[in-house]
């Protein structure tokens, strides 16, 4: 592990500890680009009642605002804990180049802080997952074609 990785993971863990000290869940995240911290985030699920208020998502949103772009290519996310599938997907959608985390799902499991079961469920075909997922095709007008026409005209 490099000194920079150690430093940024230590910062993510410090954010997580401070959040837990304030009554929040023990998760923190740091977004780094070109060796500098662009943004940080903490888990705010308990403070907001929003189940998507994860540390990584907060850090990604703040980084996008700070960089003025939804493209976070060249950024690395340092997270205190193993990012959940939602956060991993957001990192991929935003172009994050790398992620490093300090505590694994195995570390979190005894405390109810593991998302390993969700990863396992998502690996199954849609028909076998615990949530009902179905495609219900709709007729014209085509939403995507209309959007593309507006983009090209605008």
N, C-alpha and C. Protein backbone atom coordinates (compact mmCIF):
# COMPACT_ATOMS: atom_id res chain seq x y z
N UNK A 1 0.85 -1.17 0.00
CA UNK A 1 0.00 0.00 0.00
C UNK A 1 0.90 1.24 0.00
N UNK A 2 0.54 2.22 -0.82
CA UNK A 2 1.33 3.44 -0.89
C UNK A 2 1.02 4.36 0.30
N UNK A 3 1.91 5.29 0.54
CA UNK A 3 1.67 6.27 1.60
C UNK A 3 0.41 7.08 1.34
N UNK A 4 0.18 7.43 0.06
CA UNK A 4 -1.02 8.21 -0.28
C UNK A 4 -2.28 7.40 0.00
N UNK A 5 -2.28 6.13 -0.37
CA UNK A 5 -3.44 5.29 -0.11
C UNK A 5 -3.71 5.21 1.38
N UNK A 6 -2.66 4.98 2.14
CA UNK A 6 -2.79 4.92 3.60
C UNK A 6 -3.36 6.23 4.16
N UNK A 7 -2.85 7.34 3.66
CA UNK A 7 -3.29 8.66 4.14
C UNK A 7 -4.77 8.89 3.84
N UNK A 8 -5.19 8.59 2.62
CA UNK A 8 -6.58 8.85 2.24
C UNK A 8 -7.55 7.87 2.91
N UNK A 9 -7.13 6.62 3.09
CA UNK A 9 -7.98 5.68 3.83
C UNK A 9 -8.09 6.10 5.29
N UNK A 10 -7.00 6.59 5.86
CA UNK A 10 -7.03 7.09 7.23
C UNK A 10 -8.01 8.26 7.35
N UNK A 11 -8.04 9.12 6.33
CA UNK A 11 -8.98 10.25 6.34
C UNK A 11 -10.43 9.75 6.25
N UNK A 12 -10.68 8.74 5.41
CA UNK A 12 -12.03 8.18 5.29
C UNK A 12 -12.47 7.56 6.61
N UNK A 13 -11.55 6.86 7.26
CA UNK A 13 -11.87 6.24 8.55
C UNK A 13 -12.14 7.31 9.61
N UNK A 14 -11.37 8.40 9.59
CA UNK A 14 -11.58 9.49 10.54
C UNK A 14 -12.97 10.11 10.34
N UNK A 15 -13.37 10.29 9.09
CA UNK A 15 -14.72 10.80 8.80
C UNK A 15 -15.78 9.84 9.35
N UNK A 16 -15.55 8.55 9.15
CA UNK A 16 -16.50 7.54 9.63
C UNK A 16 -16.60 7.56 11.16
N UNK A 17 -15.46 7.65 11.82
CA UNK A 17 -15.46 7.68 13.30
C UNK A 17 -16.18 8.92 13.82
N UNK A 18 -15.89 10.07 13.22
CA UNK A 18 -16.53 11.32 13.65
C UNK A 18 -18.04 11.24 13.42
N UNK A 19 -18.45 10.63 12.31
CA UNK A 19 -19.87 10.49 12.03
C UNK A 19 -20.53 9.58 13.06
N UNK A 20 -19.86 8.48 13.40
CA UNK A 20 -20.39 7.56 14.42
C UNK A 20 -20.46 8.25 15.78
N UNK A 21 -19.47 9.08 16.08
CA UNK A 21 -19.47 9.83 17.35
C UNK A 21 -20.68 10.76 17.44
N UNK A 22 -21.19 11.24 16.28
CA UNK A 22 -22.35 12.13 16.24
C UNK A 22 -23.66 11.34 16.12
N UNK A 23 -23.58 10.02 16.19
CA UNK A 23 -24.79 9.20 16.12
C UNK A 23 -25.09 8.64 14.75
N UNK A 24 -24.21 8.89 13.79
CA UNK A 24 -24.42 8.36 12.45
C UNK A 24 -23.80 6.99 12.28
N UNK A 25 -23.93 6.46 11.09
CA UNK A 25 -23.33 5.16 10.78
C UNK A 25 -21.84 5.35 10.47
N UNK A 26 -21.01 4.33 10.75
CA UNK A 26 -19.56 4.47 10.66
C UNK A 26 -18.99 4.33 9.24
N UNK A 27 -19.36 5.28 8.37
CA UNK A 27 -18.86 5.24 7.00
C UNK A 27 -18.44 6.64 6.56
N UNK A 28 -17.29 6.71 5.91
CA UNK A 28 -16.78 7.95 5.35
C UNK A 28 -16.12 7.66 4.02
N UNK A 29 -16.05 8.67 3.15
CA UNK A 29 -15.44 8.50 1.83
C UNK A 29 -14.73 9.78 1.42
N UNK A 30 -13.67 9.61 0.64
CA UNK A 30 -12.86 10.71 0.15
C UNK A 30 -12.67 10.51 -1.36
N UNK A 31 -12.89 11.55 -2.15
CA UNK A 31 -12.62 11.50 -3.59
C UNK A 31 -11.35 12.30 -3.83
N UNK A 32 -10.41 11.66 -4.54
CA UNK A 32 -9.10 12.25 -4.79
C UNK A 32 -8.84 12.30 -6.29
N UNK A 33 -8.30 13.42 -6.75
CA UNK A 33 -7.88 13.55 -8.15
C UNK A 33 -6.52 14.23 -8.16
N UNK A 34 -5.60 13.67 -8.92
CA UNK A 34 -4.25 14.22 -9.03
C UNK A 34 -3.60 14.43 -7.66
N UNK A 35 -3.84 13.51 -6.75
CA UNK A 35 -3.22 13.55 -5.44
C UNK A 35 -3.83 14.50 -4.44
N UNK A 36 -4.93 15.17 -4.83
CA UNK A 36 -5.57 16.14 -3.92
C UNK A 36 -7.01 15.72 -3.63
N UNK A 37 -7.45 15.97 -2.41
CA UNK A 37 -8.83 15.68 -2.03
C UNK A 37 -9.75 16.67 -2.75
N UNK A 38 -10.70 16.14 -3.47
CA UNK A 38 -11.69 16.95 -4.19
C UNK A 38 -12.95 17.10 -3.35
N UNK A 39 -13.32 16.02 -2.65
CA UNK A 39 -14.57 16.04 -1.87
C UNK A 39 -14.56 14.91 -0.86
N UNK A 40 -15.41 15.05 0.15
CA UNK A 40 -15.59 14.01 1.15
C UNK A 40 -17.08 13.79 1.36
N UNK A 41 -17.40 12.67 2.00
CA UNK A 41 -18.79 12.38 2.33
C UNK A 41 -18.86 11.47 3.53
N UNK A 42 -19.98 11.55 4.21
CA UNK A 42 -20.27 10.67 5.33
C UNK A 42 -21.63 10.03 5.12
N UNK A 43 -21.87 8.94 5.80
CA UNK A 43 -23.16 8.28 5.72
C UNK A 43 -24.18 9.11 6.50
N UNK A 44 -25.23 9.55 5.81
CA UNK A 44 -26.25 10.39 6.43
C UNK A 44 -27.63 9.74 6.45
N UNK A 45 -27.67 8.42 6.38
CA UNK A 45 -28.95 7.72 6.37
C UNK A 45 -29.77 8.05 7.61
N UNK A 46 -29.16 7.96 8.78
CA UNK A 46 -29.91 8.21 10.02
C UNK A 46 -30.31 9.67 10.17
N UNK A 47 -29.46 10.59 9.72
CA UNK A 47 -29.75 12.03 9.83
C UNK A 47 -30.84 12.47 8.87
N UNK A 48 -30.92 11.83 7.70
CA UNK A 48 -31.85 12.29 6.67
C UNK A 48 -33.05 11.37 6.45
N UNK A 49 -32.93 10.12 6.88
CA UNK A 49 -33.97 9.15 6.58
C UNK A 49 -33.92 8.68 5.14
N UNK A 50 -32.88 9.05 4.42
CA UNK A 50 -32.71 8.69 3.01
C UNK A 50 -31.82 7.46 2.92
N UNK A 51 -32.35 6.32 2.46
CA UNK A 51 -31.54 5.10 2.41
C UNK A 51 -30.42 5.16 1.38
N UNK A 52 -30.42 6.18 0.52
CA UNK A 52 -29.34 6.31 -0.47
C UNK A 52 -28.27 7.30 -0.02
N UNK A 53 -28.37 7.83 1.18
CA UNK A 53 -27.43 8.85 1.66
C UNK A 53 -26.13 8.20 2.19
N UNK A 54 -25.49 7.43 1.31
CA UNK A 54 -24.25 6.76 1.66
C UNK A 54 -23.08 7.72 1.52
N UNK A 55 -22.01 7.45 2.23
CA UNK A 55 -20.83 8.31 2.21
C UNK A 55 -20.27 8.46 0.80
N UNK A 56 -20.19 7.36 0.07
CA UNK A 56 -19.62 7.41 -1.28
C UNK A 56 -20.47 8.27 -2.21
N UNK A 57 -21.81 8.14 -2.10
CA UNK A 57 -22.68 8.94 -2.97
C UNK A 57 -22.57 10.42 -2.62
N UNK A 58 -22.50 10.73 -1.34
CA UNK A 58 -22.32 12.13 -0.95
C UNK A 58 -21.02 12.69 -1.47
N UNK A 59 -19.96 11.90 -1.40
CA UNK A 59 -18.65 12.34 -1.89
C UNK A 59 -18.66 12.49 -3.41
N UNK A 60 -19.31 11.57 -4.10
CA UNK A 60 -19.41 11.66 -5.57
C UNK A 60 -20.18 12.91 -5.97
N UNK A 61 -21.29 13.17 -5.31
CA UNK A 61 -22.08 14.37 -5.63
C UNK A 61 -21.27 15.64 -5.38
N UNK A 62 -20.58 15.68 -4.25
CA UNK A 62 -19.76 16.86 -3.93
C UNK A 62 -18.61 17.01 -4.90
N UNK A 63 -18.00 15.91 -5.32
CA UNK A 63 -16.90 15.97 -6.27
C UNK A 63 -17.38 16.47 -7.63
N UNK A 64 -18.55 16.02 -8.07
CA UNK A 64 -19.10 16.48 -9.34
C UNK A 64 -19.37 17.98 -9.31
N UNK A 65 -19.88 18.46 -8.18
CA UNK A 65 -20.11 19.91 -8.04
C UNK A 65 -18.77 20.66 -8.04
N UNK A 66 -17.80 20.15 -7.29
CA UNK A 66 -16.50 20.82 -7.18
C UNK A 66 -15.77 20.87 -8.53
N UNK A 67 -15.90 19.79 -9.30
CA UNK A 67 -15.22 19.72 -10.60
C UNK A 67 -16.07 20.27 -11.74
N UNK A 68 -17.33 20.55 -11.45
CA UNK A 68 -18.23 21.09 -12.47
C UNK A 68 -18.53 20.11 -13.58
N UNK A 69 -18.55 18.82 -13.25
CA UNK A 69 -18.78 17.81 -14.27
C UNK A 69 -19.29 16.52 -13.64
N UNK A 70 -20.15 15.80 -14.36
CA UNK A 70 -20.56 14.48 -13.89
C UNK A 70 -19.50 13.41 -14.18
N UNK A 71 -18.47 13.77 -14.95
CA UNK A 71 -17.40 12.84 -15.32
C UNK A 71 -16.29 12.91 -14.28
N UNK A 72 -16.15 11.84 -13.51
CA UNK A 72 -15.11 11.79 -12.48
C UNK A 72 -13.94 10.90 -12.90
N UNK A 73 -13.70 10.85 -14.20
CA UNK A 73 -12.55 10.12 -14.71
C UNK A 73 -11.28 10.67 -14.08
N UNK A 74 -10.36 9.78 -13.73
CA UNK A 74 -9.13 10.18 -13.08
C UNK A 74 -9.24 10.30 -11.57
N UNK A 75 -10.44 10.11 -11.03
CA UNK A 75 -10.64 10.18 -9.58
C UNK A 75 -10.57 8.80 -8.95
N UNK A 76 -10.13 8.78 -7.71
CA UNK A 76 -10.14 7.56 -6.90
C UNK A 76 -11.00 7.83 -5.67
N UNK A 77 -11.83 6.86 -5.31
CA UNK A 77 -12.63 6.94 -4.10
C UNK A 77 -11.96 6.07 -3.03
N UNK A 78 -11.74 6.67 -1.88
CA UNK A 78 -11.22 5.96 -0.72
C UNK A 78 -12.36 5.88 0.29
N UNK A 79 -12.76 4.67 0.64
CA UNK A 79 -13.92 4.46 1.51
C UNK A 79 -13.51 3.71 2.76
N UNK A 80 -14.16 4.06 3.85
CA UNK A 80 -13.87 3.36 5.10
C UNK A 80 -14.32 1.91 5.04
N UNK A 81 -15.43 1.65 4.37
CA UNK A 81 -15.97 0.29 4.28
C UNK A 81 -16.19 -0.13 2.84
N UNK A 82 -16.41 -1.41 2.67
CA UNK A 82 -16.66 -1.97 1.34
C UNK A 82 -17.88 -1.31 0.72
N UNK A 83 -17.73 -0.59 -0.39
CA UNK A 83 -18.88 0.08 -0.99
C UNK A 83 -19.96 -0.92 -1.40
N UNK A 84 -21.20 -0.53 -1.18
CA UNK A 84 -22.34 -1.36 -1.54
C UNK A 84 -22.51 -1.35 -3.07
N UNK A 85 -23.35 -2.24 -3.60
CA UNK A 85 -23.57 -2.26 -5.05
C UNK A 85 -24.07 -0.94 -5.63
N UNK A 86 -24.91 -0.22 -4.90
CA UNK A 86 -25.40 1.07 -5.38
C UNK A 86 -24.24 2.04 -5.54
N UNK A 87 -23.37 2.09 -4.55
CA UNK A 87 -22.23 3.01 -4.60
C UNK A 87 -21.24 2.61 -5.68
N UNK A 88 -21.00 1.30 -5.81
CA UNK A 88 -20.11 0.82 -6.88
C UNK A 88 -20.66 1.20 -8.24
N UNK A 89 -21.97 1.04 -8.42
CA UNK A 89 -22.59 1.40 -9.70
C UNK A 89 -22.46 2.89 -9.95
N UNK A 90 -22.67 3.71 -8.93
CA UNK A 90 -22.53 5.16 -9.09
C UNK A 90 -21.10 5.53 -9.46
N UNK A 91 -20.13 4.86 -8.86
CA UNK A 91 -18.74 5.13 -9.20
C UNK A 91 -18.47 4.79 -10.66
N UNK A 92 -18.99 3.67 -11.11
CA UNK A 92 -18.80 3.29 -12.51
C UNK A 92 -19.51 4.27 -13.45
N UNK A 93 -20.75 4.64 -13.11
CA UNK A 93 -21.50 5.56 -13.96
C UNK A 93 -20.83 6.93 -14.05
N UNK A 94 -20.15 7.33 -12.99
CA UNK A 94 -19.51 8.64 -12.97
C UNK A 94 -18.09 8.60 -13.53
N UNK A 95 -17.60 7.42 -13.85
CA UNK A 95 -16.27 7.31 -14.45
C UNK A 95 -15.12 7.25 -13.47
N UNK A 96 -15.41 7.06 -12.18
CA UNK A 96 -14.34 6.93 -11.18
C UNK A 96 -13.38 5.85 -11.66
N UNK A 97 -12.08 6.13 -11.56
CA UNK A 97 -11.07 5.22 -12.10
C UNK A 97 -10.68 4.09 -11.16
N UNK A 98 -10.77 4.33 -9.85
CA UNK A 98 -10.34 3.32 -8.89
C UNK A 98 -11.05 3.54 -7.55
N UNK A 99 -11.10 2.48 -6.77
CA UNK A 99 -11.66 2.56 -5.41
C UNK A 99 -10.79 1.71 -4.50
N UNK A 100 -10.59 2.21 -3.30
CA UNK A 100 -9.88 1.45 -2.26
C UNK A 100 -10.71 1.57 -0.99
N UNK A 101 -10.81 0.48 -0.23
CA UNK A 101 -11.59 0.52 1.00
C UNK A 101 -10.84 -0.18 2.11
N UNK A 102 -11.12 0.24 3.34
CA UNK A 102 -10.37 -0.24 4.50
C UNK A 102 -10.99 -1.48 5.14
N UNK A 103 -12.29 -1.48 5.33
CA UNK A 103 -12.96 -2.58 6.02
C UNK A 103 -13.81 -3.35 5.03
N UNK A 104 -13.72 -4.68 5.08
CA UNK A 104 -14.43 -5.55 4.14
C UNK A 104 -15.84 -5.86 4.62
N UNK A 105 -16.60 -6.48 3.74
CA UNK A 105 -17.92 -6.96 4.13
C UNK A 105 -17.80 -7.99 5.26
N UNK A 106 -16.77 -8.81 5.22
CA UNK A 106 -16.55 -9.78 6.30
C UNK A 106 -16.32 -9.06 7.63
N UNK A 107 -15.58 -7.94 7.59
CA UNK A 107 -15.35 -7.16 8.81
C UNK A 107 -16.65 -6.60 9.36
N UNK A 108 -17.53 -6.17 8.47
CA UNK A 108 -18.78 -5.54 8.89
C UNK A 108 -19.90 -6.49 9.24
N UNK A 109 -19.82 -7.71 8.77
CA UNK A 109 -20.92 -8.67 8.95
C UNK A 109 -21.36 -8.86 10.40
N UNK A 110 -20.45 -9.01 11.36
CA UNK A 110 -20.90 -9.23 12.75
C UNK A 110 -21.69 -8.04 13.33
N UNK A 111 -21.61 -6.90 12.66
CA UNK A 111 -22.26 -5.68 13.16
C UNK A 111 -23.45 -5.26 12.30
N UNK A 112 -23.85 -6.12 11.37
CA UNK A 112 -24.96 -5.80 10.49
C UNK A 112 -24.59 -4.77 9.43
N UNK A 113 -23.30 -4.66 9.11
CA UNK A 113 -22.82 -3.63 8.18
C UNK A 113 -22.22 -4.23 6.91
N UNK A 114 -22.74 -5.37 6.49
CA UNK A 114 -22.26 -6.03 5.28
C UNK A 114 -23.32 -5.97 4.20
N UNK A 115 -22.90 -5.77 2.97
CA UNK A 115 -23.82 -5.81 1.83
C UNK A 115 -23.54 -7.03 0.95
N UNK A 116 -22.83 -8.02 1.49
CA UNK A 116 -22.49 -9.22 0.72
C UNK A 116 -23.74 -9.93 0.21
N UNK A 117 -24.80 -9.98 0.99
CA UNK A 117 -26.03 -10.66 0.56
C UNK A 117 -26.66 -9.95 -0.64
N UNK A 118 -26.55 -8.63 -0.68
CA UNK A 118 -27.10 -7.89 -1.82
C UNK A 118 -26.28 -8.18 -3.07
N UNK A 119 -24.95 -8.19 -2.93
CA UNK A 119 -24.09 -8.56 -4.05
C UNK A 119 -24.47 -9.94 -4.58
N UNK A 120 -24.66 -10.89 -3.68
CA UNK A 120 -25.00 -12.26 -4.08
C UNK A 120 -26.35 -12.30 -4.80
N UNK A 121 -27.33 -11.57 -4.29
CA UNK A 121 -28.65 -11.55 -4.92
C UNK A 121 -28.57 -10.93 -6.31
N UNK A 122 -27.83 -9.84 -6.46
CA UNK A 122 -27.71 -9.16 -7.75
C UNK A 122 -26.98 -10.00 -8.79
N UNK A 123 -26.19 -10.96 -8.35
CA UNK A 123 -25.46 -11.83 -9.28
C UNK A 123 -26.38 -12.87 -9.93
N UNK A 124 -27.57 -13.04 -9.39
CA UNK A 124 -28.52 -14.01 -9.93
C UNK A 124 -29.26 -13.41 -11.13
N UNK A 125 -29.80 -14.27 -12.02
CA UNK A 125 -30.67 -13.76 -13.09
C UNK A 125 -31.88 -13.04 -12.46
N UNK A 126 -32.44 -12.07 -13.17
CA UNK A 126 -33.56 -11.29 -12.65
C UNK A 126 -34.65 -12.19 -12.06
N UNK A 127 -35.01 -13.25 -12.75
CA UNK A 127 -36.11 -14.12 -12.32
C UNK A 127 -35.84 -14.80 -10.97
N UNK A 128 -34.58 -14.87 -10.56
CA UNK A 128 -34.22 -15.54 -9.32
C UNK A 128 -33.92 -14.58 -8.17
N UNK A 129 -33.93 -13.28 -8.44
CA UNK A 129 -33.62 -12.31 -7.39
C UNK A 129 -34.79 -12.13 -6.43
N UNK A 130 -34.49 -11.64 -5.24
CA UNK A 130 -35.52 -11.48 -4.20
C UNK A 130 -36.52 -10.37 -4.52
N UNK A 131 -36.14 -9.42 -5.35
CA UNK A 131 -37.03 -8.33 -5.76
C UNK A 131 -37.61 -8.67 -7.13
N UNK A 132 -38.89 -8.44 -7.32
CA UNK A 132 -39.51 -8.67 -8.63
C UNK A 132 -39.02 -7.60 -9.60
N UNK A 133 -38.49 -8.05 -10.72
CA UNK A 133 -37.98 -7.14 -11.76
C UNK A 133 -38.60 -7.58 -13.08
N UNK A 134 -39.28 -6.66 -13.75
CA UNK A 134 -39.88 -7.04 -15.03
C UNK A 134 -39.85 -5.88 -16.00
N UNK A 135 -39.70 -6.22 -17.25
CA UNK A 135 -39.71 -5.26 -18.35
C UNK A 135 -41.13 -5.19 -18.88
N UNK A 136 -41.68 -3.99 -18.96
CA UNK A 136 -43.04 -3.79 -19.45
C UNK A 136 -42.95 -2.78 -20.60
N UNK A 137 -42.77 -3.27 -21.84
CA UNK A 137 -42.61 -2.38 -22.99
C UNK A 137 -43.80 -1.44 -23.17
N UNK A 138 -43.52 -0.22 -23.60
CA UNK A 138 -44.54 0.78 -23.85
C UNK A 138 -44.52 1.18 -25.32
N UNK A 139 -45.62 1.70 -25.79
CA UNK A 139 -45.74 2.10 -27.20
C UNK A 139 -45.14 3.47 -27.46
N UNK A 140 -45.35 3.94 -28.67
CA UNK A 140 -44.83 5.24 -29.11
C UNK A 140 -45.54 6.35 -28.34
N UNK A 141 -45.04 7.57 -28.25
CA UNK A 141 -43.78 7.97 -28.86
C UNK A 141 -42.58 7.45 -28.06
N UNK A 142 -41.51 7.26 -28.77
CA UNK A 142 -40.31 6.69 -28.17
C UNK A 142 -39.59 7.74 -27.33
N UNK A 143 -39.55 7.53 -26.04
CA UNK A 143 -38.94 8.46 -25.09
C UNK A 143 -37.49 8.76 -25.44
N UNK A 144 -36.72 7.74 -25.75
CA UNK A 144 -35.29 7.93 -26.01
C UNK A 144 -35.04 8.64 -27.34
N UNK A 145 -35.81 8.28 -28.36
CA UNK A 145 -35.66 8.94 -29.66
C UNK A 145 -36.02 10.42 -29.55
N UNK A 146 -37.10 10.72 -28.79
CA UNK A 146 -37.48 12.12 -28.58
C UNK A 146 -36.37 12.89 -27.88
N UNK A 147 -35.78 12.28 -26.88
CA UNK A 147 -34.68 12.92 -26.14
C UNK A 147 -33.51 13.19 -27.08
N UNK A 148 -33.15 12.20 -27.89
CA UNK A 148 -32.02 12.38 -28.80
C UNK A 148 -32.28 13.51 -29.80
N UNK A 149 -33.49 13.58 -30.32
CA UNK A 149 -33.82 14.66 -31.25
C UNK A 149 -33.66 16.02 -30.58
N UNK A 150 -34.11 16.15 -29.34
CA UNK A 150 -33.98 17.41 -28.61
C UNK A 150 -32.51 17.76 -28.37
N UNK A 151 -31.70 16.76 -28.06
CA UNK A 151 -30.28 16.99 -27.84
C UNK A 151 -29.60 17.49 -29.11
N UNK A 152 -29.94 16.88 -30.22
CA UNK A 152 -29.33 17.25 -31.49
C UNK A 152 -29.82 18.62 -31.98
N UNK A 153 -31.06 18.99 -31.63
CA UNK A 153 -31.62 20.28 -32.05
C UNK A 153 -31.14 21.41 -31.15
N UNK A 154 -30.79 21.08 -29.92
CA UNK A 154 -30.48 22.11 -28.94
C UNK A 154 -29.10 22.56 -28.96
